[in-house]
Amino acid sequence: MKKVVEVAVGVIKANNKIFISKRHDGQHQGGLWEFPGGKIEAGETVFAALKRELKEEVNIDVVSSTELQVIEHDYTDKSVRLMVHIVEDFTGEAKGLESQVCQWVDINELTNYDFPEANQEIISRLHTTI
């Protein structure tokens, strides 16, 4: 049985735009776009992981977030549990701090970008809830 990697995912929203970043080619699902976030460490809450990861990756300080959904997805090489939160209450200017390409995208244009399979459910949910 594969280990499940638990990931805090932030759908960073300002006005009608969502902040996305492109995974480095050498990473799992490399070359695809994603909603920023990262692994939840042992003993860490989802919110604490979200705050830490978004500060490290995209330079924002999360004040609060709202849970959107939990997605479990099995890739051939690993399984993930994505704890997805909407982040509208933050300070700082979102930008890539890990040399990743980042941009703000209109919610209706998210389908024009290639995301990992597990993220498709997030995009569908955003179109129905926001």
N, C-alpha and C. Protein backbone atom coordinates (compact mmCIF):
# COMPACT_ATOMS: atom_id res chain seq x y z
N MET A 1 0.84 -1.18 0.00
CA MET A 1 0.00 0.00 0.00
C MET A 1 0.89 1.25 0.00
N LYS A 2 0.56 2.19 -0.87
CA LYS A 2 1.34 3.42 -0.99
C LYS A 2 1.08 4.35 0.19
N LYS A 3 2.12 5.08 0.57
CA LYS A 3 1.97 6.12 1.58
C LYS A 3 1.18 7.27 0.95
N VAL A 4 0.28 7.85 1.73
CA VAL A 4 -0.48 9.00 1.26
C VAL A 4 0.24 10.27 1.71
N VAL A 5 0.57 11.14 0.76
CA VAL A 5 1.21 12.40 1.08
C VAL A 5 0.11 13.44 1.29
N GLU A 6 0.09 14.03 2.48
CA GLU A 6 -0.92 15.05 2.79
C GLU A 6 -0.35 16.42 2.44
N VAL A 7 -1.14 17.18 1.66
CA VAL A 7 -0.67 18.45 1.12
C VAL A 7 -1.68 19.56 1.44
N ALA A 8 -1.17 20.69 1.93
CA ALA A 8 -1.99 21.88 2.12
C ALA A 8 -1.90 22.69 0.82
N VAL A 9 -3.05 22.98 0.22
CA VAL A 9 -3.11 23.69 -1.06
C VAL A 9 -3.85 25.01 -0.87
N GLY A 10 -3.24 26.09 -1.36
CA GLY A 10 -3.87 27.40 -1.25
C GLY A 10 -4.34 27.92 -2.59
N VAL A 11 -5.65 28.12 -2.70
CA VAL A 11 -6.20 28.79 -3.88
C VAL A 11 -6.23 30.27 -3.51
N ILE A 12 -5.18 30.99 -3.93
CA ILE A 12 -5.02 32.39 -3.56
C ILE A 12 -5.86 33.22 -4.51
N LYS A 13 -6.80 33.98 -3.94
CA LYS A 13 -7.77 34.71 -4.76
C LYS A 13 -7.74 36.19 -4.42
N ALA A 14 -7.71 37.00 -5.45
CA ALA A 14 -7.83 38.46 -5.31
C ALA A 14 -8.69 38.94 -6.47
N ASN A 15 -9.77 39.63 -6.13
CA ASN A 15 -10.76 40.04 -7.13
C ASN A 15 -11.27 38.78 -7.81
N ASN A 16 -11.21 38.69 -9.12
CA ASN A 16 -11.69 37.48 -9.79
C ASN A 16 -10.51 36.69 -10.37
N LYS A 17 -9.35 36.86 -9.75
CA LYS A 17 -8.15 36.19 -10.27
C LYS A 17 -7.59 35.22 -9.24
N ILE A 18 -6.94 34.18 -9.75
CA ILE A 18 -6.34 33.13 -8.94
C ILE A 18 -4.84 33.10 -9.25
N PHE A 19 -4.03 32.97 -8.20
CA PHE A 19 -2.58 32.92 -8.36
C PHE A 19 -2.15 31.47 -8.57
N ILE A 20 -1.47 31.21 -9.68
CA ILE A 20 -0.99 29.85 -9.97
C ILE A 20 0.51 29.89 -10.23
N SER A 21 1.15 28.74 -10.07
CA SER A 21 2.58 28.64 -10.33
C SER A 21 2.86 27.36 -11.11
N LYS A 22 3.98 27.37 -11.81
CA LYS A 22 4.35 26.23 -12.65
C LYS A 22 5.40 25.39 -11.92
N ARG A 23 5.15 24.09 -11.86
CA ARG A 23 6.08 23.16 -11.20
C ARG A 23 7.35 23.03 -12.02
N HIS A 24 8.49 22.98 -11.33
CA HIS A 24 9.77 22.78 -12.02
C HIS A 24 9.77 21.42 -12.70
N ASP A 25 10.45 21.33 -13.83
CA ASP A 25 10.45 20.10 -14.63
C ASP A 25 10.88 18.87 -13.85
N GLY A 26 11.82 19.00 -12.91
CA GLY A 26 12.32 17.85 -12.17
C GLY A 26 11.42 17.36 -11.04
N GLN A 27 10.36 18.09 -10.75
CA GLN A 27 9.44 17.72 -9.67
C GLN A 27 8.40 16.71 -10.14
N HIS A 28 7.75 16.05 -9.18
CA HIS A 28 6.60 15.20 -9.49
C HIS A 28 5.57 16.08 -10.21
N GLN A 29 5.06 15.62 -11.34
CA GLN A 29 4.11 16.39 -12.16
C GLN A 29 4.76 17.68 -12.69
N GLY A 30 6.06 17.63 -12.91
CA GLY A 30 6.81 18.79 -13.37
C GLY A 30 6.31 19.33 -14.70
N GLY A 31 6.42 20.65 -14.85
CA GLY A 31 5.99 21.32 -16.07
C GLY A 31 4.51 21.68 -16.09
N LEU A 32 3.78 21.23 -15.08
CA LEU A 32 2.35 21.54 -15.00
C LEU A 32 2.12 22.69 -14.04
N TRP A 33 1.00 23.37 -14.20
CA TRP A 33 0.63 24.47 -13.32
C TRP A 33 -0.01 23.91 -12.06
N GLU A 34 0.02 24.67 -10.98
CA GLU A 34 -0.56 24.22 -9.72
C GLU A 34 -1.02 25.40 -8.89
N PHE A 35 -1.80 25.08 -7.88
CA PHE A 35 -2.14 26.03 -6.84
C PHE A 35 -1.06 25.83 -5.78
N PRO A 36 -0.40 26.89 -5.32
CA PRO A 36 0.73 26.73 -4.40
C PRO A 36 0.36 26.01 -3.10
N GLY A 37 1.36 25.40 -2.51
CA GLY A 37 1.19 24.70 -1.24
C GLY A 37 2.30 23.70 -1.06
N GLY A 38 2.11 22.79 -0.12
CA GLY A 38 3.14 21.79 0.12
C GLY A 38 2.75 20.81 1.20
N LYS A 39 3.68 19.89 1.47
CA LYS A 39 3.44 18.82 2.43
C LYS A 39 3.16 19.34 3.82
N ILE A 40 2.24 18.65 4.47
CA ILE A 40 1.94 18.92 5.87
C ILE A 40 2.90 18.09 6.70
N GLU A 41 3.68 18.75 7.56
CA GLU A 41 4.65 18.05 8.40
C GLU A 41 3.96 17.37 9.57
N ALA A 42 4.62 16.37 10.15
CA ALA A 42 4.08 15.65 11.30
C ALA A 42 3.75 16.63 12.43
N GLY A 43 2.55 16.52 12.98
CA GLY A 43 2.12 17.36 14.08
C GLY A 43 1.67 18.76 13.68
N GLU A 44 1.68 19.06 12.39
CA GLU A 44 1.32 20.38 11.90
C GLU A 44 -0.15 20.40 11.48
N THR A 45 -0.85 21.48 11.77
CA THR A 45 -2.23 21.61 11.31
C THR A 45 -2.21 22.00 9.83
N VAL A 46 -3.33 21.82 9.17
CA VAL A 46 -3.45 22.22 7.76
C VAL A 46 -3.19 23.72 7.63
N PHE A 47 -3.78 24.52 8.51
CA PHE A 47 -3.61 25.97 8.42
C PHE A 47 -2.15 26.37 8.66
N ALA A 48 -1.50 25.75 9.63
CA ALA A 48 -0.09 26.07 9.90
C ALA A 48 0.78 25.72 8.69
N ALA A 49 0.51 24.58 8.06
CA ALA A 49 1.26 24.18 6.87
C ALA A 49 1.00 25.14 5.72
N LEU A 50 -0.24 25.55 5.57
CA LEU A 50 -0.61 26.48 4.51
C LEU A 50 0.14 27.81 4.70
N LYS A 51 0.12 28.32 5.91
CA LYS A 51 0.83 29.58 6.21
C LYS A 51 2.31 29.45 5.90
N ARG A 52 2.93 28.37 6.38
CA ARG A 52 4.37 28.16 6.19
C ARG A 52 4.71 28.03 4.71
N GLU A 53 3.98 27.18 4.01
CA GLU A 53 4.28 26.92 2.60
C GLU A 53 4.08 28.14 1.72
N LEU A 54 2.99 28.88 1.95
CA LEU A 54 2.73 30.05 1.10
C LEU A 54 3.71 31.18 1.38
N LYS A 55 4.21 31.27 2.61
CA LYS A 55 5.25 32.26 2.91
C LYS A 55 6.55 31.86 2.21
N GLU A 56 6.92 30.59 2.28
CA GLU A 56 8.16 30.10 1.68
C GLU A 56 8.13 30.15 0.14
N GLU A 57 6.99 29.78 -0.43
CA GLU A 57 6.89 29.66 -1.89
C GLU A 57 6.55 30.95 -2.60
N VAL A 58 5.57 31.69 -2.06
CA VAL A 58 5.04 32.83 -2.83
C VAL A 58 4.96 34.14 -2.05
N ASN A 59 5.64 34.20 -0.90
CA ASN A 59 5.86 35.48 -0.23
C ASN A 59 4.63 36.11 0.41
N ILE A 60 3.58 35.35 0.71
CA ILE A 60 2.42 35.97 1.36
C ILE A 60 2.26 35.44 2.78
N ASP A 61 1.68 36.29 3.62
CA ASP A 61 1.34 35.91 4.98
C ASP A 61 -0.17 35.69 5.04
N VAL A 62 -0.58 34.47 5.25
CA VAL A 62 -2.00 34.12 5.29
C VAL A 62 -2.57 34.54 6.64
N VAL A 63 -3.64 35.33 6.61
CA VAL A 63 -4.32 35.77 7.82
C VAL A 63 -5.40 34.74 8.18
N SER A 64 -6.18 34.34 7.18
CA SER A 64 -7.21 33.32 7.38
C SER A 64 -7.49 32.63 6.06
N SER A 65 -8.13 31.48 6.15
CA SER A 65 -8.49 30.73 4.94
C SER A 65 -9.79 30.00 5.20
N THR A 66 -10.41 29.54 4.12
CA THR A 66 -11.66 28.78 4.19
C THR A 66 -11.46 27.47 3.47
N GLU A 67 -11.82 26.37 4.12
CA GLU A 67 -11.68 25.07 3.47
C GLU A 67 -12.61 25.00 2.27
N LEU A 68 -12.07 24.56 1.14
CA LEU A 68 -12.87 24.36 -0.07
C LEU A 68 -13.25 22.89 -0.20
N GLN A 69 -12.26 22.01 -0.09
CA GLN A 69 -12.52 20.58 -0.23
C GLN A 69 -11.28 19.77 0.10
N VAL A 70 -11.48 18.46 0.23
CA VAL A 70 -10.38 17.51 0.40
C VAL A 70 -10.46 16.56 -0.78
N ILE A 71 -9.32 16.37 -1.45
CA ILE A 71 -9.28 15.50 -2.62
C ILE A 71 -8.26 14.40 -2.38
N GLU A 72 -8.68 13.17 -2.59
CA GLU A 72 -7.75 12.05 -2.53
C GLU A 72 -7.55 11.56 -3.96
N HIS A 73 -6.29 11.44 -4.35
CA HIS A 73 -5.99 11.04 -5.72
C HIS A 73 -4.82 10.08 -5.72
N ASP A 74 -4.93 9.05 -6.55
CA ASP A 74 -3.89 8.05 -6.65
C ASP A 74 -3.21 8.16 -8.01
N TYR A 75 -1.97 8.66 -8.00
CA TYR A 75 -1.14 8.64 -9.20
C TYR A 75 -0.47 7.26 -9.23
N THR A 76 0.12 6.88 -10.32
CA THR A 76 0.75 5.56 -10.37
C THR A 76 1.93 5.45 -9.41
N ASP A 77 2.62 6.58 -9.16
CA ASP A 77 3.81 6.52 -8.30
C ASP A 77 3.58 7.00 -6.87
N LYS A 78 2.47 7.66 -6.59
CA LYS A 78 2.17 8.10 -5.22
C LYS A 78 0.71 8.47 -5.09
N SER A 79 0.26 8.50 -3.84
CA SER A 79 -1.11 8.92 -3.54
C SER A 79 -1.03 10.23 -2.76
N VAL A 80 -1.98 11.12 -3.03
CA VAL A 80 -2.00 12.41 -2.36
C VAL A 80 -3.38 12.67 -1.75
N ARG A 81 -3.37 13.41 -0.65
CA ARG A 81 -4.60 13.92 -0.06
C ARG A 81 -4.42 15.43 -0.02
N LEU A 82 -5.16 16.13 -0.86
CA LEU A 82 -5.04 17.58 -0.96
C LEU A 82 -6.08 18.24 -0.07
N MET A 83 -5.60 19.02 0.88
CA MET A 83 -6.46 19.79 1.77
C MET A 83 -6.51 21.20 1.17
N VAL A 84 -7.57 21.49 0.44
CA VAL A 84 -7.63 22.70 -0.38
C VAL A 84 -8.36 23.81 0.36
N HIS A 85 -7.70 24.97 0.45
CA HIS A 85 -8.27 26.14 1.12
C HIS A 85 -8.27 27.34 0.19
N ILE A 86 -9.33 28.14 0.28
CA ILE A 86 -9.38 29.43 -0.42
C ILE A 86 -8.66 30.44 0.48
N VAL A 87 -7.75 31.21 -0.10
CA VAL A 87 -7.01 32.21 0.65
C VAL A 87 -7.28 33.58 0.01
N GLU A 88 -8.11 34.36 0.68
CA GLU A 88 -8.40 35.72 0.22
C GLU A 88 -7.88 36.75 1.21
N ASP A 89 -7.66 36.32 2.44
CA ASP A 89 -7.22 37.21 3.50
C ASP A 89 -5.72 36.99 3.74
N PHE A 90 -4.90 37.82 3.08
CA PHE A 90 -3.45 37.69 3.21
C PHE A 90 -2.80 39.05 3.04
N THR A 91 -1.55 39.13 3.47
CA THR A 91 -0.77 40.34 3.26
C THR A 91 0.46 39.97 2.45
N GLY A 92 1.05 40.96 1.82
CA GLY A 92 2.22 40.73 0.98
C GLY A 92 1.82 40.64 -0.47
N GLU A 93 2.83 40.67 -1.33
CA GLU A 93 2.61 40.58 -2.77
C GLU A 93 3.02 39.19 -3.25
N ALA A 94 2.06 38.45 -3.80
CA ALA A 94 2.35 37.09 -4.26
C ALA A 94 3.35 37.11 -5.41
N LYS A 95 4.44 36.35 -5.24
CA LYS A 95 5.44 36.19 -6.29
C LYS A 95 6.23 34.92 -6.01
N GLY A 96 6.82 34.36 -7.03
CA GLY A 96 7.58 33.13 -6.87
C GLY A 96 8.90 33.37 -6.17
N LEU A 97 9.14 32.65 -5.07
CA LEU A 97 10.40 32.77 -4.34
C LEU A 97 11.33 31.60 -4.60
N GLU A 98 10.87 30.62 -5.40
CA GLU A 98 11.68 29.43 -5.66
C GLU A 98 11.99 29.31 -7.15
N SER A 99 12.14 30.45 -7.80
CA SER A 99 12.45 30.52 -9.24
C SER A 99 11.38 29.88 -10.12
N GLN A 100 10.17 29.75 -9.60
CA GLN A 100 9.09 29.19 -10.40
C GLN A 100 8.34 30.31 -11.13
N VAL A 101 7.80 29.97 -12.28
CA VAL A 101 6.98 30.91 -13.03
C VAL A 101 5.63 31.00 -12.33
N CYS A 102 5.15 32.23 -12.10
CA CYS A 102 3.86 32.43 -11.42
C CYS A 102 3.07 33.50 -12.15
N GLN A 103 1.76 33.45 -12.02
CA GLN A 103 0.92 34.50 -12.59
C GLN A 103 -0.47 34.47 -12.02
N TRP A 104 -1.14 35.63 -12.12
CA TRP A 104 -2.54 35.76 -11.76
C TRP A 104 -3.36 35.44 -13.01
N VAL A 105 -4.38 34.61 -12.85
CA VAL A 105 -5.21 34.16 -13.97
C VAL A 105 -6.68 34.35 -13.61
N ASP A 106 -7.45 34.81 -14.55
CA ASP A 106 -8.89 34.90 -14.36
C ASP A 106 -9.45 33.50 -14.12
N ILE A 107 -10.37 33.38 -13.18
CA ILE A 107 -10.95 32.07 -12.86
C ILE A 107 -11.45 31.35 -14.10
N ASN A 108 -12.07 32.08 -15.01
CA ASN A 108 -12.62 31.46 -16.22
C ASN A 108 -11.55 30.99 -17.19
N GLU A 109 -10.30 31.37 -16.98
CA GLU A 109 -9.22 30.96 -17.87
C GLU A 109 -8.40 29.79 -17.33
N LEU A 110 -8.71 29.31 -16.14
CA LEU A 110 -7.94 28.22 -15.54
C LEU A 110 -7.91 26.97 -16.43
N THR A 111 -8.98 26.73 -17.16
CA THR A 111 -9.04 25.54 -18.02
C THR A 111 -8.08 25.63 -19.20
N ASN A 112 -7.49 26.80 -19.43
CA ASN A 112 -6.52 26.95 -20.52
C ASN A 112 -5.12 26.53 -20.11
N TYR A 113 -4.93 26.12 -18.87
CA TYR A 113 -3.62 25.74 -18.34
C TYR A 113 -3.62 24.25 -18.02
N ASP A 114 -2.45 23.62 -18.17
CA ASP A 114 -2.31 22.20 -17.86
C ASP A 114 -1.96 22.02 -16.39
N PHE A 115 -2.88 21.40 -15.64
CA PHE A 115 -2.71 21.12 -14.22
C PHE A 115 -2.60 19.62 -14.01
N PRO A 116 -2.02 19.18 -12.88
CA PRO A 116 -2.05 17.75 -12.55
C PRO A 116 -3.49 17.27 -12.46
N GLU A 117 -3.68 16.00 -12.70
CA GLU A 117 -5.02 15.42 -12.72
C GLU A 117 -5.80 15.69 -11.43
N ALA A 118 -5.13 15.61 -10.28
CA ALA A 118 -5.81 15.83 -9.00
C ALA A 118 -6.37 17.24 -8.88
N ASN A 119 -5.80 18.19 -9.60
CA ASN A 119 -6.24 19.59 -9.52
C ASN A 119 -7.49 19.88 -10.36
N GLN A 120 -7.86 18.99 -11.25
CA GLN A 120 -9.02 19.23 -12.12
C GLN A 120 -10.29 19.41 -11.30
N GLU A 121 -10.39 18.65 -10.21
CA GLU A 121 -11.56 18.74 -9.34
C GLU A 121 -11.64 20.12 -8.66
N ILE A 122 -10.47 20.69 -8.34
CA ILE A 122 -10.44 22.03 -7.74
C ILE A 122 -10.97 23.05 -8.74
N ILE A 123 -10.50 22.96 -9.97
CA ILE A 123 -10.93 23.90 -11.01
C ILE A 123 -12.43 23.81 -11.24
N SER A 124 -12.95 22.58 -11.30
CA SER A 124 -14.40 22.41 -11.47
C SER A 124 -15.15 23.03 -10.30
N ARG A 125 -14.66 22.81 -9.10
CA ARG A 125 -15.33 23.34 -7.90
C ARG A 125 -15.30 24.85 -7.89
N LEU A 126 -14.18 25.45 -8.31
CA LEU A 126 -14.08 26.91 -8.34
C LEU A 126 -15.11 27.51 -9.29
N HIS A 127 -15.35 26.85 -10.39
CA HIS A 127 -16.32 27.37 -11.36
C HIS A 127 -17.75 27.33 -10.83
N THR A 128 -18.02 26.44 -9.87
CA THR A 128 -19.38 26.34 -9.34
C THR A 128 -19.58 27.10 -8.04
N THR A 129 -18.47 27.44 -7.33
CA THR A 129 -18.63 28.08 -6.03
C THR A 129 -18.21 29.53 -5.99
N ILE A 130 -17.43 29.97 -6.94
CA ILE A 130 -16.95 31.37 -6.90
C ILE A 130 -17.56 32.15 -8.04
